[in-house]
Amino acid sequence: MMTEAIDPSGLRRMLAETLSALTPAPSEPEPGADPDEPVEGVGHGADGLIEVRLGPPGRVTGLHLDPRVLRLDGERLAAELTVAIDEALAALRARLSVAAPDLGALTAHLRDVQEETGRQLGAFTDSLFAAQEMLVRRAGGDR
């Protein structure tokens, strides 16, 4: 006698939910932001004389140096550029983190999928063994 049929709907549902969690949700645009505008982080240094724009994954997409900033000595210019770049990176990370999935919840969900898969595979294997035993008994009984 075979055990009950394996119903993969639970597994399919869990996999669909996991894939849904992995699919980045469209982030809410910032108020007044152009939805077609690429995601960028902008930073300033030297009282606004330096502007740095960064796009994913941290690539410089724009650099504006007001001619007055060239009056700074090299060490001060480097420090102000660093400030502007760090500010732009922080802004970019903040904008990108809105769409990031909750990795802790995703890990827990994947663990559930793994456990459910193990249970269903075990039930499937038990069904195969039961069917094999039934075939062996029938073959032995017909002789």
N, C-alpha and C. Protein backbone atom coordinates (compact mmCIF):
# COMPACT_ATOMS: atom_id res chain seq x y z
N MET A 1 0.84 -1.18 0.00
CA MET A 1 0.00 0.00 0.00
C MET A 1 0.88 1.25 0.00
N MET A 2 0.62 2.14 -0.92
CA MET A 2 1.46 3.34 -1.06
C MET A 2 1.01 4.42 -0.09
N THR A 3 1.98 5.22 0.31
CA THR A 3 1.65 6.36 1.17
C THR A 3 0.96 7.42 0.33
N GLU A 4 0.47 8.46 0.99
CA GLU A 4 -0.28 9.50 0.26
C GLU A 4 0.60 10.18 -0.78
N ALA A 5 -0.04 10.66 -1.83
CA ALA A 5 0.68 11.30 -2.93
C ALA A 5 1.38 12.56 -2.44
N ILE A 6 2.51 12.84 -3.06
CA ILE A 6 3.28 14.03 -2.71
C ILE A 6 2.61 15.24 -3.35
N ASP A 7 2.31 16.22 -2.55
CA ASP A 7 1.71 17.46 -3.05
C ASP A 7 2.78 18.54 -3.03
N PRO A 8 3.34 18.87 -4.20
CA PRO A 8 4.41 19.85 -4.24
C PRO A 8 3.93 21.29 -4.13
N SER A 9 2.62 21.51 -3.96
CA SER A 9 2.11 22.88 -3.94
C SER A 9 2.73 23.70 -2.81
N GLY A 10 2.96 23.09 -1.66
CA GLY A 10 3.60 23.82 -0.57
C GLY A 10 5.00 24.24 -0.94
N LEU A 11 5.73 23.35 -1.58
CA LEU A 11 7.09 23.67 -2.01
C LEU A 11 7.07 24.73 -3.10
N ARG A 12 6.15 24.58 -4.04
CA ARG A 12 6.05 25.59 -5.11
C ARG A 12 5.73 26.96 -4.54
N ARG A 13 4.81 26.98 -3.57
CA ARG A 13 4.44 28.26 -2.94
C ARG A 13 5.64 28.88 -2.25
N MET A 14 6.40 28.07 -1.50
CA MET A 14 7.56 28.59 -0.78
C MET A 14 8.62 29.09 -1.75
N LEU A 15 8.84 28.37 -2.84
CA LEU A 15 9.82 28.82 -3.82
C LEU A 15 9.36 30.12 -4.49
N ALA A 16 8.07 30.23 -4.78
CA ALA A 16 7.55 31.46 -5.38
C ALA A 16 7.73 32.64 -4.43
N GLU A 17 7.47 32.43 -3.14
CA GLU A 17 7.66 33.50 -2.16
C GLU A 17 9.13 33.90 -2.06
N THR A 18 10.02 32.91 -2.11
CA THR A 18 11.45 33.20 -2.03
C THR A 18 11.89 33.99 -3.25
N LEU A 19 11.46 33.57 -4.43
CA LEU A 19 11.82 34.32 -5.64
C LEU A 19 11.26 35.73 -5.60
N SER A 20 10.07 35.87 -5.05
CA SER A 20 9.47 37.19 -4.92
C SER A 20 10.31 38.06 -4.00
N ALA A 21 10.81 37.48 -2.92
CA ALA A 21 11.65 38.24 -1.99
C ALA A 21 12.97 38.64 -2.62
N LEU A 22 13.46 37.82 -3.55
CA LEU A 22 14.72 38.14 -4.22
C LEU A 22 14.56 39.19 -5.30
N THR A 23 13.34 39.35 -5.82
CA THR A 23 13.10 40.33 -6.87
C THR A 23 13.05 41.71 -6.25
N PRO A 24 13.95 42.61 -6.68
CA PRO A 24 13.94 43.93 -6.06
C PRO A 24 12.64 44.66 -6.32
N ALA A 25 12.06 45.15 -5.24
CA ALA A 25 10.83 45.93 -5.36
C ALA A 25 11.18 47.33 -5.83
N PRO A 26 10.34 47.90 -6.67
CA PRO A 26 10.64 49.26 -7.08
C PRO A 26 10.57 50.18 -5.87
N SER A 27 11.61 50.96 -5.70
CA SER A 27 11.65 51.84 -4.55
C SER A 27 10.77 53.05 -4.78
N GLU A 28 10.27 53.58 -3.69
CA GLU A 28 9.46 54.78 -3.77
C GLU A 28 10.36 55.94 -4.16
N PRO A 29 9.99 56.67 -5.20
CA PRO A 29 10.83 57.80 -5.57
C PRO A 29 10.76 58.88 -4.49
N GLU A 30 11.86 59.58 -4.34
CA GLU A 30 11.89 60.68 -3.39
C GLU A 30 10.94 61.76 -3.89
N PRO A 31 10.32 62.50 -2.96
CA PRO A 31 9.41 63.56 -3.39
C PRO A 31 10.12 64.54 -4.33
N GLY A 32 9.48 64.80 -5.47
CA GLY A 32 10.05 65.73 -6.44
C GLY A 32 11.12 65.13 -7.33
N ALA A 33 11.45 63.83 -7.14
CA ALA A 33 12.49 63.20 -7.95
C ALA A 33 11.92 62.74 -9.28
N ASP A 34 12.74 62.85 -10.31
CA ASP A 34 12.36 62.38 -11.65
C ASP A 34 12.55 60.87 -11.68
N PRO A 35 11.49 60.07 -11.93
CA PRO A 35 11.63 58.61 -11.91
C PRO A 35 12.57 58.07 -12.98
N ASP A 36 12.81 58.84 -14.05
CA ASP A 36 13.71 58.40 -15.11
C ASP A 36 15.16 58.76 -14.82
N GLU A 37 15.39 59.56 -13.79
CA GLU A 37 16.74 59.98 -13.44
C GLU A 37 17.48 58.82 -12.79
N PRO A 38 18.75 58.58 -13.19
CA PRO A 38 19.48 57.47 -12.60
C PRO A 38 19.75 57.72 -11.11
N VAL A 39 19.89 56.62 -10.36
CA VAL A 39 20.18 56.73 -8.93
C VAL A 39 21.61 57.23 -8.78
N GLU A 40 21.75 58.31 -8.05
CA GLU A 40 23.07 58.88 -7.81
C GLU A 40 23.17 59.35 -6.37
N GLY A 41 24.41 59.41 -5.91
CA GLY A 41 24.71 60.05 -4.64
C GLY A 41 25.53 61.28 -4.95
N VAL A 42 25.21 62.38 -4.30
CA VAL A 42 25.91 63.64 -4.55
C VAL A 42 26.57 64.09 -3.25
N GLY A 43 27.82 64.53 -3.36
CA GLY A 43 28.54 65.04 -2.20
C GLY A 43 29.24 66.34 -2.55
N HIS A 44 29.44 67.16 -1.52
CA HIS A 44 30.08 68.46 -1.72
C HIS A 44 31.25 68.62 -0.76
N GLY A 45 32.20 69.40 -1.18
CA GLY A 45 33.35 69.74 -0.34
C GLY A 45 33.76 71.17 -0.60
N ALA A 46 34.63 71.67 0.25
CA ALA A 46 35.17 73.04 0.11
C ALA A 46 34.05 74.06 -0.01
N ASP A 47 33.09 73.97 0.90
CA ASP A 47 31.97 74.92 0.92
C ASP A 47 31.24 75.01 -0.41
N GLY A 48 31.05 73.84 -1.06
CA GLY A 48 30.29 73.80 -2.30
C GLY A 48 31.11 74.03 -3.56
N LEU A 49 32.40 74.26 -3.42
CA LEU A 49 33.24 74.47 -4.60
C LEU A 49 33.53 73.16 -5.32
N ILE A 50 33.35 72.06 -4.63
CA ILE A 50 33.55 70.72 -5.22
C ILE A 50 32.22 69.98 -5.16
N GLU A 51 31.85 69.35 -6.29
CA GLU A 51 30.67 68.49 -6.32
C GLU A 51 31.06 67.18 -6.97
N VAL A 52 30.75 66.08 -6.28
CA VAL A 52 31.03 64.73 -6.78
C VAL A 52 29.70 64.00 -6.91
N ARG A 53 29.51 63.32 -8.05
CA ARG A 53 28.32 62.50 -8.28
C ARG A 53 28.79 61.06 -8.50
N LEU A 54 28.13 60.14 -7.77
CA LEU A 54 28.46 58.72 -7.88
C LEU A 54 27.22 57.93 -8.24
N GLY A 55 27.39 56.96 -9.13
CA GLY A 55 26.33 56.01 -9.47
C GLY A 55 26.76 54.62 -9.04
N PRO A 56 25.83 53.67 -9.08
CA PRO A 56 26.17 52.30 -8.68
C PRO A 56 27.28 51.74 -9.56
N PRO A 57 28.17 50.96 -9.06
CA PRO A 57 28.36 50.54 -7.67
C PRO A 57 29.31 51.45 -6.91
N GLY A 58 29.43 52.70 -7.30
CA GLY A 58 30.36 53.65 -6.68
C GLY A 58 31.19 54.34 -7.74
N ARG A 59 30.74 54.24 -8.98
CA ARG A 59 31.45 54.83 -10.11
C ARG A 59 31.20 56.34 -10.15
N VAL A 60 32.27 57.08 -10.40
CA VAL A 60 32.14 58.54 -10.51
C VAL A 60 31.41 58.86 -11.80
N THR A 61 30.28 59.54 -11.68
CA THR A 61 29.50 59.94 -12.86
C THR A 61 29.61 61.43 -13.12
N GLY A 62 30.16 62.15 -12.17
CA GLY A 62 30.34 63.59 -12.38
C GLY A 62 31.27 64.18 -11.34
N LEU A 63 32.05 65.14 -11.77
CA LEU A 63 32.96 65.85 -10.88
C LEU A 63 33.02 67.29 -11.35
N HIS A 64 32.64 68.19 -10.47
CA HIS A 64 32.70 69.62 -10.81
C HIS A 64 33.62 70.31 -9.81
N LEU A 65 34.61 71.00 -10.34
CA LEU A 65 35.52 71.79 -9.52
C LEU A 65 35.37 73.24 -9.91
N ASP A 66 34.91 74.05 -8.99
CA ASP A 66 34.85 75.49 -9.22
C ASP A 66 36.30 75.97 -9.37
N PRO A 67 36.60 76.82 -10.32
CA PRO A 67 37.98 77.28 -10.51
C PRO A 67 38.61 77.84 -9.23
N ARG A 68 37.83 78.38 -8.33
CA ARG A 68 38.39 78.93 -7.09
C ARG A 68 39.01 77.86 -6.20
N VAL A 69 38.55 76.59 -6.35
CA VAL A 69 39.09 75.53 -5.50
C VAL A 69 40.55 75.23 -5.85
N LEU A 70 40.97 75.62 -7.04
CA LEU A 70 42.35 75.36 -7.46
C LEU A 70 43.34 76.25 -6.72
N ARG A 71 42.84 77.20 -5.96
CA ARG A 71 43.72 78.05 -5.14
C ARG A 71 44.16 77.34 -3.86
N LEU A 72 43.46 76.24 -3.53
CA LEU A 72 43.82 75.48 -2.33
C LEU A 72 45.12 74.73 -2.57
N ASP A 73 45.90 74.53 -1.49
CA ASP A 73 47.11 73.71 -1.65
C ASP A 73 46.70 72.26 -1.86
N GLY A 74 47.59 71.44 -2.36
CA GLY A 74 47.30 70.06 -2.72
C GLY A 74 46.74 69.23 -1.58
N GLU A 75 47.28 69.41 -0.38
CA GLU A 75 46.83 68.63 0.76
C GLU A 75 45.38 68.98 1.13
N ARG A 76 45.07 70.25 1.14
CA ARG A 76 43.71 70.69 1.47
C ARG A 76 42.74 70.26 0.37
N LEU A 77 43.15 70.37 -0.90
CA LEU A 77 42.30 69.95 -2.02
C LEU A 77 41.97 68.46 -1.90
N ALA A 78 42.99 67.64 -1.59
CA ALA A 78 42.78 66.20 -1.43
C ALA A 78 41.80 65.92 -0.29
N ALA A 79 41.95 66.64 0.82
CA ALA A 79 41.05 66.44 1.96
C ALA A 79 39.62 66.81 1.60
N GLU A 80 39.42 67.89 0.88
CA GLU A 80 38.08 68.33 0.49
C GLU A 80 37.46 67.39 -0.53
N LEU A 81 38.28 66.85 -1.44
CA LEU A 81 37.78 65.85 -2.39
C LEU A 81 37.33 64.59 -1.64
N THR A 82 38.11 64.20 -0.64
CA THR A 82 37.76 63.03 0.16
C THR A 82 36.42 63.24 0.87
N VAL A 83 36.22 64.43 1.43
CA VAL A 83 34.96 64.75 2.09
C VAL A 83 33.80 64.63 1.10
N ALA A 84 33.97 65.20 -0.09
CA ALA A 84 32.91 65.17 -1.10
C ALA A 84 32.61 63.75 -1.55
N ILE A 85 33.64 62.95 -1.76
CA ILE A 85 33.46 61.56 -2.20
C ILE A 85 32.77 60.74 -1.12
N ASP A 86 33.21 60.90 0.13
CA ASP A 86 32.57 60.17 1.23
C ASP A 86 31.10 60.53 1.37
N GLU A 87 30.79 61.81 1.23
CA GLU A 87 29.40 62.27 1.31
C GLU A 87 28.57 61.67 0.18
N ALA A 88 29.15 61.64 -1.03
CA ALA A 88 28.44 61.08 -2.18
C ALA A 88 28.21 59.58 -2.00
N LEU A 89 29.21 58.87 -1.47
CA LEU A 89 29.05 57.43 -1.21
C LEU A 89 27.96 57.16 -0.19
N ALA A 90 27.93 57.96 0.87
CA ALA A 90 26.89 57.79 1.90
C ALA A 90 25.51 58.04 1.31
N ALA A 91 25.39 59.06 0.47
CA ALA A 91 24.10 59.37 -0.16
C ALA A 91 23.68 58.25 -1.11
N LEU A 92 24.64 57.71 -1.86
CA LEU A 92 24.34 56.62 -2.79
C LEU A 92 23.88 55.38 -2.02
N ARG A 93 24.60 55.04 -0.96
CA ARG A 93 24.21 53.87 -0.15
C ARG A 93 22.81 54.04 0.42
N ALA A 94 22.51 55.23 0.88
CA ALA A 94 21.18 55.48 1.45
C ALA A 94 20.09 55.30 0.40
N ARG A 95 20.34 55.75 -0.81
CA ARG A 95 19.33 55.62 -1.87
C ARG A 95 19.19 54.17 -2.31
N LEU A 96 20.30 53.43 -2.33
CA LEU A 96 20.24 52.03 -2.78
C LEU A 96 19.69 51.10 -1.72
N SER A 97 19.84 51.43 -0.45
CA SER A 97 19.40 50.53 0.62
C SER A 97 17.89 50.42 0.69
N VAL A 98 17.17 51.36 0.11
CA VAL A 98 15.71 51.33 0.14
C VAL A 98 15.18 50.07 -0.53
N ALA A 99 15.81 49.62 -1.63
CA ALA A 99 15.31 48.48 -2.39
C ALA A 99 15.94 47.16 -1.98
N ALA A 100 16.85 47.16 -1.01
CA ALA A 100 17.54 45.93 -0.63
C ALA A 100 16.60 45.00 0.14
N PRO A 101 16.61 43.70 -0.19
CA PRO A 101 15.74 42.76 0.54
C PRO A 101 16.26 42.54 1.96
N ASP A 102 15.38 42.11 2.85
CA ASP A 102 15.75 41.76 4.22
C ASP A 102 16.44 40.39 4.17
N LEU A 103 17.77 40.39 4.26
CA LEU A 103 18.52 39.15 4.09
C LEU A 103 18.27 38.16 5.23
N GLY A 104 18.02 38.65 6.43
CA GLY A 104 17.73 37.75 7.55
C GLY A 104 16.44 36.98 7.31
N ALA A 105 15.41 37.69 6.88
CA ALA A 105 14.13 37.03 6.59
C ALA A 105 14.27 36.09 5.41
N LEU A 106 15.04 36.49 4.42
CA LEU A 106 15.24 35.65 3.25
C LEU A 106 15.97 34.36 3.63
N THR A 107 16.98 34.47 4.50
CA THR A 107 17.71 33.29 4.96
C THR A 107 16.78 32.34 5.70
N ALA A 108 15.95 32.88 6.57
CA ALA A 108 15.00 32.04 7.31
C ALA A 108 14.03 31.36 6.35
N HIS A 109 13.58 32.10 5.36
CA HIS A 109 12.65 31.53 4.39
C HIS A 109 13.32 30.42 3.58
N LEU A 110 14.55 30.62 3.17
CA LEU A 110 15.27 29.59 2.43
C LEU A 110 15.50 28.35 3.30
N ARG A 111 15.72 28.56 4.59
CA ARG A 111 15.87 27.43 5.51
C ARG A 111 14.56 26.63 5.56
N ASP A 112 13.42 27.34 5.59
CA ASP A 112 12.12 26.66 5.57
C ASP A 112 11.95 25.86 4.29
N VAL A 113 12.35 26.45 3.16
CA VAL A 113 12.26 25.75 1.87
C VAL A 113 13.11 24.48 1.91
N GLN A 114 14.32 24.61 2.46
CA GLN A 114 15.21 23.45 2.55
C GLN A 114 14.59 22.35 3.40
N GLU A 115 14.02 22.71 4.55
CA GLU A 115 13.40 21.71 5.42
C GLU A 115 12.20 21.05 4.75
N GLU A 116 11.36 21.86 4.10
CA GLU A 116 10.18 21.32 3.42
C GLU A 116 10.60 20.40 2.27
N THR A 117 11.63 20.80 1.56
CA THR A 117 12.14 19.97 0.46
C THR A 117 12.62 18.63 1.01
N GLY A 118 13.32 18.65 2.14
CA GLY A 118 13.79 17.41 2.75
C GLY A 118 12.64 16.51 3.15
N ARG A 119 11.59 17.10 3.75
CA ARG A 119 10.42 16.30 4.14
C ARG A 119 9.75 15.68 2.91
N GLN A 120 9.57 16.50 1.87
CA GLN A 120 8.88 15.99 0.68
C GLN A 120 9.73 14.95 -0.04
N LEU A 121 11.04 15.15 -0.08
CA LEU A 121 11.91 14.16 -0.71
C LEU A 121 11.87 12.85 0.08
N GLY A 122 11.85 12.95 1.41
CA GLY A 122 11.74 11.76 2.25
C GLY A 122 10.44 11.02 1.99
N ALA A 123 9.33 11.75 1.90
CA ALA A 123 8.03 11.13 1.62
C ALA A 123 8.03 10.48 0.24
N PHE A 124 8.64 11.14 -0.73
CA PHE A 124 8.72 10.60 -2.09
C PHE A 124 9.53 9.31 -2.09
N THR A 125 10.67 9.32 -1.39
CA THR A 125 11.52 8.13 -1.32
C THR A 125 10.77 6.98 -0.63
N ASP A 126 10.06 7.29 0.46
CA ASP A 126 9.26 6.27 1.14
C ASP A 126 8.22 5.66 0.20
N SER A 127 7.60 6.51 -0.62
CA SER A 127 6.61 6.02 -1.59
C SER A 127 7.25 5.10 -2.61
N LEU A 128 8.44 5.45 -3.06
CA LEU A 128 9.15 4.59 -4.02
C LEU A 128 9.48 3.24 -3.40
N PHE A 129 9.97 3.24 -2.16
CA PHE A 129 10.29 1.98 -1.49
C PHE A 129 9.03 1.13 -1.29
N ALA A 130 7.94 1.77 -0.91
CA ALA A 130 6.68 1.03 -0.71
C ALA A 130 6.21 0.42 -2.03
N ALA A 131 6.33 1.17 -3.12
CA ALA A 131 5.93 0.65 -4.43
C ALA A 131 6.82 -0.51 -4.83
N GLN A 132 8.12 -0.38 -4.57
CA GLN A 132 9.05 -1.45 -4.91
C GLN A 132 8.73 -2.72 -4.10
N GLU A 133 8.46 -2.57 -2.82
CA GLU A 133 8.12 -3.72 -1.98
C GLU A 133 6.84 -4.39 -2.47
N MET A 134 5.87 -3.59 -2.88
CA MET A 134 4.61 -4.14 -3.38
C MET A 134 4.87 -4.93 -4.66
N LEU A 135 5.70 -4.41 -5.55
CA LEU A 135 6.02 -5.12 -6.78
C LEU A 135 6.76 -6.43 -6.49
N VAL A 136 7.67 -6.40 -5.52
CA VAL A 136 8.40 -7.62 -5.16
C VAL A 136 7.44 -8.66 -4.59
N ARG A 137 6.50 -8.24 -3.73
CA ARG A 137 5.53 -9.18 -3.15
C ARG A 137 4.64 -9.78 -4.24
N ARG A 138 4.19 -8.94 -5.17
CA ARG A 138 3.34 -9.44 -6.26
C ARG A 138 4.10 -10.43 -7.14
N ALA A 139 5.35 -10.08 -7.43
CA ALA A 139 6.15 -10.97 -8.28
C ALA A 139 6.41 -12.29 -7.57
N GLY A 140 6.64 -12.27 -6.28
CA GLY A 140 6.89 -13.49 -5.50
C GLY A 140 5.63 -14.30 -5.31
N GLY A 141 4.48 -13.67 -5.23
CA GLY A 141 3.21 -14.36 -5.00
C GLY A 141 2.67 -15.02 -6.25
N ASP A 142 3.06 -14.52 -7.43
CA ASP A 142 2.55 -15.07 -8.68
C ASP A 142 3.32 -16.31 -9.12
N ARG A 143 4.42 -16.64 -8.52
CA ARG A 143 5.24 -17.76 -8.98
C ARG A 143 4.65 -19.06 -8.63
